[in-house]
């Protein structure tokens, strides 16, 4: 299967590119971790790094775009 065929299959079945899907999965897992965590025991930066974000600012921007709130708010609300 070619790269282009994989990209087309993702678009047809999920409405996303492969990288957008990977980003969504990473953000979804990070959100679950933030909701389950205690603000006393973890930080947004640690969660972002664990899910592959080297820059916390990029993580926060992607997170806010998808969930409409900052990851720090999610962590504090848990």
PDB file of N, CA and C in Angstrom:
ATOM      1  N   UNK A   1       0.844  -1.166   0.000  1.00  0.00           N
ATOM      2  CA  UNK A   1       0.000   0.000   0.000  1.00  0.00           C
ATOM      3  C   UNK A   1       0.890   1.230   0.000  1.00  0.00           C
ATOM      4  N   UNK A   2       0.578   2.177  -0.827  1.00  0.00           N
ATOM      5  CA  UNK A   2       1.381   3.390  -0.922  1.00  0.00           C
ATOM      6  C   UNK A   2       1.006   4.387   0.179  1.00  0.00           C
ATOM      7  N   UNK A   3       1.878   5.350   0.392  1.00  0.00           N
ATOM      8  CA  UNK A   3       1.627   6.406   1.372  1.00  0.00           C
ATOM      9  C   UNK A   3       0.358   7.155   0.993  1.00  0.00           C
ATOM     10  N   UNK A   4       0.218   7.456  -0.254  1.00  0.00           N
ATOM     11  CA  UNK A   4      -0.963   8.182  -0.730  1.00  0.00           C
ATOM     12  C   UNK A   4      -2.242   7.387  -0.481  1.00  0.00           C
ATOM     13  N   UNK A   5      -2.206   6.090  -0.655  1.00  0.00           N
ATOM     14  CA  UNK A   5      -3.378   5.252  -0.405  1.00  0.00           C
ATOM     15  C   UNK A   5      -3.758   5.281   1.077  1.00  0.00           C
ATOM     16  N   UNK A   6      -2.765   5.267   1.951  1.00  0.00           N
ATOM     17  CA  UNK A   6      -3.033   5.347   3.390  1.00  0.00           C
ATOM     18  C   UNK A   6      -3.659   6.697   3.722  1.00  0.00           C
ATOM     19  N   UNK A   7      -3.112   7.775   3.181  1.00  0.00           N
ATOM     20  CA  UNK A   7      -3.669   9.105   3.430  1.00  0.00           C
ATOM     21  C   UNK A   7      -5.117   9.189   2.955  1.00  0.00           C
ATOM     22  N   UNK A   8      -5.399   8.656   1.784  1.00  0.00           N
ATOM     23  CA  UNK A   8      -6.750   8.685   1.240  1.00  0.00           C
ATOM     24  C   UNK A   8      -7.698   7.855   2.109  1.00  0.00           C
ATOM     25  N   UNK A   9      -7.258   6.693   2.551  1.00  0.00           N
ATOM     26  CA  UNK A   9      -8.094   5.844   3.406  1.00  0.00           C
ATOM     27  C   UNK A   9      -8.432   6.553   4.719  1.00  0.00           C
ATOM     28  N   UNK A  10      -7.461   7.222   5.308  1.00  0.00           N
ATOM     29  CA  UNK A  10      -7.721   7.978   6.535  1.00  0.00           C
ATOM     30  C   UNK A  10      -8.761   9.057   6.287  1.00  0.00           C
ATOM     31  N   UNK A  11      -8.587   9.791   5.208  1.00  0.00           N
ATOM     32  CA  UNK A  11      -9.539  10.871   4.893  1.00  0.00           C
ATOM     33  C   UNK A  11     -10.939  10.327   4.651  1.00  0.00           C
ATOM     34  N   UNK A  12     -11.047   9.223   3.941  1.00  0.00           N
ATOM     35  CA  UNK A  12     -12.360   8.661   3.627  1.00  0.00           C
ATOM     36  C   UNK A  12     -13.055   8.089   4.851  1.00  0.00           C
ATOM     37  N   UNK A  13     -12.321   7.409   5.720  1.00  0.00           N
ATOM     38  CA  UNK A  13     -12.926   6.713   6.847  1.00  0.00           C
ATOM     39  C   UNK A  13     -12.993   7.528   8.130  1.00  0.00           C
ATOM     40  N   UNK A  14     -12.034   8.417   8.324  1.00  0.00           N
ATOM     41  CA  UNK A  14     -11.985   9.184   9.569  1.00  0.00           C
ATOM     42  C   UNK A  14     -12.151  10.684   9.362  1.00  0.00           C
ATOM     43  N   UNK A  15     -12.003  11.134   8.130  1.00  0.00           N
ATOM     44  CA  UNK A  15     -12.083  12.568   7.867  1.00  0.00           C
ATOM     45  C   UNK A  15     -10.864  13.334   8.345  1.00  0.00           C
ATOM     46  N   UNK A  16      -9.775  12.628   8.581  1.00  0.00           N
ATOM     47  CA  UNK A  16      -8.543  13.216   9.101  1.00  0.00           C
ATOM     48  C   UNK A  16      -7.349  12.698   8.316  1.00  0.00           C
ATOM     49  N   UNK A  17      -6.265  13.447   8.369  1.00  0.00           N
ATOM     50  CA  UNK A  17      -5.007  12.934   7.855  1.00  0.00           C
ATOM     51  C   UNK A  17      -4.420  11.995   8.914  1.00  0.00           C
ATOM     52  N   UNK A  18      -3.481  11.153   8.552  1.00  0.00           N
ATOM     53  CA  UNK A  18      -2.861  10.283   9.561  1.00  0.00           C
ATOM     54  C   UNK A  18      -2.236  11.078  10.720  1.00  0.00           C
ATOM     55  N   UNK A  19      -1.567  12.181  10.427  1.00  0.00           N
ATOM     56  CA  UNK A  19      -0.945  12.970  11.500  1.00  0.00           C
ATOM     57  C   UNK A  19      -1.994  13.642  12.380  1.00  0.00           C
ATOM     58  N   UNK A  20      -3.084  14.107  11.794  1.00  0.00           N
ATOM     59  CA  UNK A  20      -4.156  14.704  12.592  1.00  0.00           C
ATOM     60  C   UNK A  20      -4.766  13.659  13.518  1.00  0.00           C
ATOM     61  N   UNK A  21      -4.883  12.432  13.031  1.00  0.00           N
ATOM     62  CA  UNK A  21      -5.409  11.348  13.861  1.00  0.00           C
ATOM     63  C   UNK A  21      -4.468  11.052  15.036  1.00  0.00           C
ATOM     64  N   UNK A  22      -3.180  10.985  14.749  1.00  0.00           N
ATOM     65  CA  UNK A  22      -2.195  10.737  15.811  1.00  0.00           C
ATOM     66  C   UNK A  22      -2.246  11.862  16.841  1.00  0.00           C
ATOM     67  N   UNK A  23      -2.342  13.099  16.390  1.00  0.00           N
ATOM     68  CA  UNK A  23      -2.434  14.234  17.312  1.00  0.00           C
ATOM     69  C   UNK A  23      -3.682  14.114  18.174  1.00  0.00           C
ATOM     70  N   UNK A  24      -4.807  13.753  17.560  1.00  0.00           N
ATOM     71  CA  UNK A  24      -6.054  13.614  18.296  1.00  0.00           C
ATOM     72  C   UNK A  24      -5.937  12.530  19.371  1.00  0.00           C
ATOM     73  N   UNK A  25      -5.343  11.397  19.031  1.00  0.00           N
ATOM     74  CA  UNK A  25      -5.176  10.300  19.995  1.00  0.00           C
ATOM     75  C   UNK A  25      -4.289  10.755  21.156  1.00  0.00           C
ATOM     76  N   UNK A  26      -3.196  11.416  20.834  1.00  0.00           N
ATOM     77  CA  UNK A  26      -2.292  11.896  21.890  1.00  0.00           C
ATOM     78  C   UNK A  26      -3.004  12.887  22.810  1.00  0.00           C
ATOM     79  N   UNK A  27      -3.756  13.826  22.217  1.00  0.00           N
ATOM     80  CA  UNK A  27      -4.484  14.802  23.027  1.00  0.00           C
ATOM     81  C   UNK A  27      -5.553  14.129  23.880  1.00  0.00           C
ATOM     82  N   UNK A  28      -6.229  13.146  23.333  1.00  0.00           N
ATOM     83  CA  UNK A  28      -7.269  12.443  24.073  1.00  0.00           C
ATOM     84  C   UNK A  28      -6.684  11.727  25.292  1.00  0.00           C
ATOM     85  N   UNK A  29      -5.548  11.082  25.113  1.00  0.00           N
ATOM     86  CA  UNK A  29      -4.896  10.403  26.235  1.00  0.00           C
ATOM     87  C   UNK A  29      -4.361  11.413  27.254  1.00  0.00           C
ATOM     88  N   UNK A  30      -3.818  12.520  26.765  1.00  0.00           N
ATOM     89  CA  UNK A  30      -3.321  13.557  27.678  1.00  0.00           C
ATOM     90  C   UNK A  30      -4.480  14.134  28.492  1.00  0.00           C
ATOM     91  N   UNK A  31      -5.626  14.359  27.854  1.00  0.00           N
ATOM     92  CA  UNK A  31      -6.795  14.883  28.571  1.00  0.00           C
ATOM     93  C   UNK A  31      -7.239  13.908  29.662  1.00  0.00           C
ATOM     94  N   UNK A  32      -7.300  12.633  29.335  1.00  0.00           N
ATOM     95  CA  UNK A  32      -7.687  11.635  30.332  1.00  0.00           C
ATOM     96  C   UNK A  32      -6.708  11.645  31.511  1.00  0.00           C
ATOM     97  N   UNK A  33      -5.432  11.772  31.206  1.00  0.00           N
ATOM     98  CA  UNK A  33      -4.429  11.812  32.276  1.00  0.00           C
ATOM     99  C   UNK A  33      -4.583  13.065  33.130  1.00  0.00           C
ATOM    100  N   UNK A  34      -4.832  14.204  32.501  1.00  0.00           N
ATOM    101  CA  UNK A  34      -5.019  15.449  33.246  1.00  0.00           C
ATOM    102  C   UNK A  34      -6.252  15.373  34.142  1.00  0.00           C
ATOM    103  N   UNK A  35      -7.320  14.775  33.653  1.00  0.00           N
ATOM    104  CA  UNK A  35      -8.551  14.658  34.443  1.00  0.00           C
ATOM    105  C   UNK A  35      -8.349  13.749  35.655  1.00  0.00           C
ATOM    106  N   UNK A  36      -7.524  12.729  35.495  1.00  0.00           N
ATOM    107  CA  UNK A  36      -7.314  11.759  36.568  1.00  0.00           C
ATOM    108  C   UNK A  36      -6.240  12.197  37.561  1.00  0.00           C
ATOM    109  N   UNK A  37      -5.432  13.161  37.194  1.00  0.00           N
ATOM    110  CA  UNK A  37      -4.281  13.560  38.014  1.00  0.00           C
ATOM    111  C   UNK A  37      -4.664  14.572  39.078  1.00  0.00           C
ATOM    112  N   UNK A  38      -3.820  14.651  40.056  1.00  0.00           N
ATOM    113  CA  UNK A  38      -3.933  15.672  41.095  1.00  0.00           C
ATOM    114  C   UNK A  38      -2.968  16.802  40.751  1.00  0.00           C
ATOM    115  N   UNK A  39      -3.402  18.052  40.862  1.00  0.00           N
ATOM    116  CA  UNK A  39      -2.489  19.173  40.590  1.00  0.00           C
ATOM    117  C   UNK A  39      -1.268  19.183  41.508  1.00  0.00           C
ATOM    118  N   UNK A  40      -1.376  18.510  42.648  1.00  0.00           N
ATOM    119  CA  UNK A  40      -0.239  18.442  43.578  1.00  0.00           C
ATOM    120  C   UNK A  40       0.819  17.444  43.121  1.00  0.00           C
ATOM    121  N   UNK A  41       0.419  16.484  42.287  1.00  0.00           N
ATOM    122  CA  UNK A  41       1.326  15.398  41.908  1.00  0.00           C
ATOM    123  C   UNK A  41       1.892  15.499  40.503  1.00  0.00           C
ATOM    124  N   UNK A  42       1.315  16.326  39.648  1.00  0.00           N
ATOM    125  CA  UNK A  42       1.787  16.395  38.264  1.00  0.00           C
ATOM    126  C   UNK A  42       1.658  17.815  37.733  1.00  0.00           C
ATOM    127  N   UNK A  43       2.238  18.032  36.567  1.00  0.00           N
ATOM    128  CA  UNK A  43       2.146  19.328  35.902  1.00  0.00           C
ATOM    129  C   UNK A  43       1.718  19.111  34.455  1.00  0.00           C
ATOM    130  N   UNK A  44       1.221  20.165  33.863  1.00  0.00           N
ATOM    131  CA  UNK A  44       0.843  20.108  32.452  1.00  0.00           C
ATOM    132  C   UNK A  44       2.076  19.811  31.606  1.00  0.00           C
ATOM    133  N   UNK A  45       3.203  20.380  31.960  1.00  0.00           N
ATOM    134  CA  UNK A  45       4.436  20.159  31.210  1.00  0.00           C
ATOM    135  C   UNK A  45       4.824  18.682  31.210  1.00  0.00           C
ATOM    136  N   UNK A  46       4.706  18.017  32.348  1.00  0.00           N
ATOM    137  CA  UNK A  46       5.030  16.583  32.415  1.00  0.00           C
ATOM    138  C   UNK A  46       4.090  15.753  31.550  1.00  0.00           C
ATOM    139  N   UNK A  47       2.809  16.071  31.603  1.00  0.00           N
ATOM    140  CA  UNK A  47       1.833  15.333  30.793  1.00  0.00           C
ATOM    141  C   UNK A  47       2.110  15.572  29.313  1.00  0.00           C
ATOM    142  N   UNK A  48       2.366  16.822  28.952  1.00  0.00           N
ATOM    143  CA  UNK A  48       2.663  17.143  27.550  1.00  0.00           C
ATOM    144  C   UNK A  48       3.886  16.376  27.060  1.00  0.00           C
ATOM    145  N   UNK A  49       4.927  16.340  27.856  1.00  0.00           N
ATOM    146  CA  UNK A  49       6.149  15.625  27.469  1.00  0.00           C
ATOM    147  C   UNK A  49       5.893  14.127  27.348  1.00  0.00           C
ATOM    148  N   UNK A  50       5.102  13.583  28.258  1.00  0.00           N
ATOM    149  CA  UNK A  50       4.804  12.152  28.220  1.00  0.00           C
ATOM    150  C   UNK A  50       4.067  11.781  26.937  1.00  0.00           C
ATOM    151  N   UNK A  51       3.286  12.709  26.384  1.00  0.00           N
ATOM    152  CA  UNK A  51       2.525  12.428  25.167  1.00  0.00           C
ATOM    153  C   UNK A  51       3.166  13.022  23.928  1.00  0.00           C
ATOM    154  N   UNK A  52       4.466  13.304  24.012  1.00  0.00           N
ATOM    155  CA  UNK A  52       5.242  13.628  22.822  1.00  0.00           C
ATOM    156  C   UNK A  52       5.340  15.085  22.441  1.00  0.00           C
ATOM    157  N   UNK A  53       4.952  15.972  23.318  1.00  0.00           N
ATOM    158  CA  UNK A  53       5.061  17.402  23.029  1.00  0.00           C
ATOM    159  C   UNK A  53       6.313  17.959  23.696  1.00  0.00           C
ATOM    160  N   UNK A  54       7.270  18.371  22.895  1.00  0.00           N
ATOM    161  CA  UNK A  54       8.503  18.945  23.434  1.00  0.00           C
ATOM    162  C   UNK A  54       8.282  20.388  23.888  1.00  0.00           C
ATOM    163  N   UNK A  55       7.281  21.038  23.274  1.00  0.00           N
ATOM    164  CA  UNK A  55       6.982  22.430  23.626  1.00  0.00           C
ATOM    165  C   UNK A  55       5.612  22.511  24.298  1.00  0.00           C
ATOM    166  N   UNK A  56       5.580  22.838  25.574  1.00  0.00           N
ATOM    167  CA  UNK A  56       4.298  22.946  26.270  1.00  0.00           C
ATOM    168  C   UNK A  56       3.357  23.979  25.639  1.00  0.00           C
ATOM    169  N   UNK A  57       3.904  25.015  25.041  1.00  0.00           N
ATOM    170  CA  UNK A  57       3.052  26.027  24.416  1.00  0.00           C
ATOM    171  C   UNK A  57       2.301  25.456  23.211  1.00  0.00           C
ATOM    172  N   UNK A  58       2.953  24.596  22.438  1.00  0.00           N
ATOM    173  CA  UNK A  58       2.282  23.952  21.303  1.00  0.00           C
ATOM    174  C   UNK A  58       1.199  23.008  21.816  1.00  0.00           C
ATOM    175  N   UNK A  59       1.502  22.273  22.874  1.00  0.00           N
ATOM    176  CA  UNK A  59       0.510  21.394  23.482  1.00  0.00           C
ATOM    177  C   UNK A  59      -0.705  22.193  23.935  1.00  0.00           C
ATOM    178  N   UNK A  60      -0.475  23.283  24.642  1.00  0.00           N
ATOM    179  CA  UNK A  60      -1.579  24.097  25.155  1.00  0.00           C
ATOM    180  C   UNK A  60      -2.429  24.669  24.018  1.00  0.00           C
ATOM    181  N   UNK A  61      -1.789  25.096  22.937  1.00  0.00           N
ATOM    182  CA  UNK A  61      -2.530  25.647  21.801  1.00  0.00           C
ATOM    183  C   UNK A  61      -3.380  24.574  21.127  1.00  0.00           C
ATOM    184  N   UNK A  62      -2.813  23.402  20.879  1.00  0.00           N
ATOM    185  CA  UNK A  62      -3.581  22.306  20.270  1.00  0.00           C
ATOM    186  C   UNK A  62      -4.718  21.875  21.190  1.00  0.00           C
ATOM    187  N   UNK A  63      -4.421  21.769  22.457  1.00  0.00           N
ATOM    188  CA  UNK A  63      -5.415  21.350  23.444  1.00  0.00           C
ATOM    189  C   UNK A  63      -6.582  22.339  23.482  1.00  0.00           C
ATOM    190  N   UNK A  64      -6.273  23.617  23.532  1.00  0.00           N
ATOM    191  CA  UNK A  64      -7.313  24.651  23.578  1.00  0.00           C
ATOM    192  C   UNK A  64      -8.160  24.638  22.309  1.00  0.00           C
ATOM    193  N   UNK A  65      -7.518  24.419  21.159  1.00  0.00           N
ATOM    194  CA  UNK A  65      -8.255  24.349  19.897  1.00  0.00           C
ATOM    195  C   UNK A  65      -9.261  23.200  19.890  1.00  0.00           C
ATOM    196  N   UNK A  66      -8.877  22.071  20.455  1.00  0.00           N
ATOM    197  CA  UNK A  66      -9.738  20.881  20.433  1.00  0.00           C
ATOM    198  C   UNK A  66     -10.780  20.907  21.546  1.00  0.00           C
ATOM    199  N   UNK A  67     -10.389  21.274  22.771  1.00  0.00           N
ATOM    200  CA  UNK A  67     -11.274  21.150  23.923  1.00  0.00           C
ATOM    201  C   UNK A  67     -11.857  22.471  24.428  1.00  0.00           C
ATOM    202  N   UNK A  68     -11.396  23.586  23.898  1.00  0.00           N
ATOM    203  CA  UNK A  68     -11.960  24.873  24.279  1.00  0.00           C
ATOM    204  C   UNK A  68     -11.566  25.371  25.651  1.00  0.00           C
ATOM    205  N   UNK A  69     -10.555  24.767  26.235  1.00  0.00           N
ATOM    206  CA  UNK A  69     -10.049  25.214  27.527  1.00  0.00           C
ATOM    207  C   UNK A  69      -8.567  24.900  27.607  1.00  0.00           C
ATOM    208  N   UNK A  70      -7.894  25.556  28.492  1.00  0.00           N
ATOM    209  CA  UNK A  70      -6.471  25.294  28.690  1.00  0.00           C
ATOM    210  C   UNK A  70      -6.280  23.993  29.463  1.00  0.00           C
ATOM    211  N   UNK A  71      -5.181  23.284  29.192  1.00  0.00           N
ATOM    212  CA  UNK A  71      -4.922  22.046  29.939  1.00  0.00           C
ATOM    213  C   UNK A  71      -4.769  22.300  31.445  1.00  0.00           C
ATOM    214  N   UNK A  72      -4.291  23.448  31.826  1.00  0.00           N
ATOM    215  CA  UNK A  72      -4.155  23.756  33.252  1.00  0.00           C
ATOM    216  C   UNK A  72      -5.521  23.820  33.918  1.00  0.00           C
ATOM    217  N   UNK A  73      -6.530  24.284  33.217  1.00  0.00           N
ATOM    218  CA  UNK A  73      -7.880  24.309  33.767  1.00  0.00           C
ATOM    219  C   UNK A  73      -8.398  22.886  33.988  1.00  0.00           C
ATOM    220  N   UNK A  74      -8.170  22.017  33.019  1.00  0.00           N
ATOM    221  CA  UNK A  74      -8.587  20.619  33.144  1.00  0.00           C
ATOM    222  C   UNK A  74      -7.907  19.979  34.345  1.00  0.00           C
ATOM    223  N   UNK A  75      -6.616  20.227  34.510  1.00  0.00           N
ATOM    224  CA  UNK A  75      -5.876  19.659  35.642  1.00  0.00           C
ATOM    225  C   UNK A  75      -6.428  20.164  36.974  1.00  0.00           C
ATOM    226  N   UNK A  76      -6.688  21.443  37.071  1.00  0.00           N
ATOM    227  CA  UNK A  76      -7.208  22.008  38.321  1.00  0.00           C
ATOM    228  C   UNK A  76      -8.636  21.552  38.612  1.00  0.00           C
ATOM    229  N   UNK A  77      -9.393  21.222  37.574  1.00  0.00           N
ATOM    230  CA  UNK A  77     -10.795  20.826  37.742  1.00  0.00           C
ATOM    231  C   UNK A  77     -10.948  19.372  38.154  1.00  0.00           C
ATOM    232  N   UNK A  78      -9.851  18.620  38.135  1.00  0.00           N
ATOM    233  CA  UNK A  78      -9.956  17.180  38.435  1.00  0.00           C
ATOM    234  C   UNK A  78     -10.142  16.920  39.915  1.00  0.00           C
TER     235      UNK A  78
END
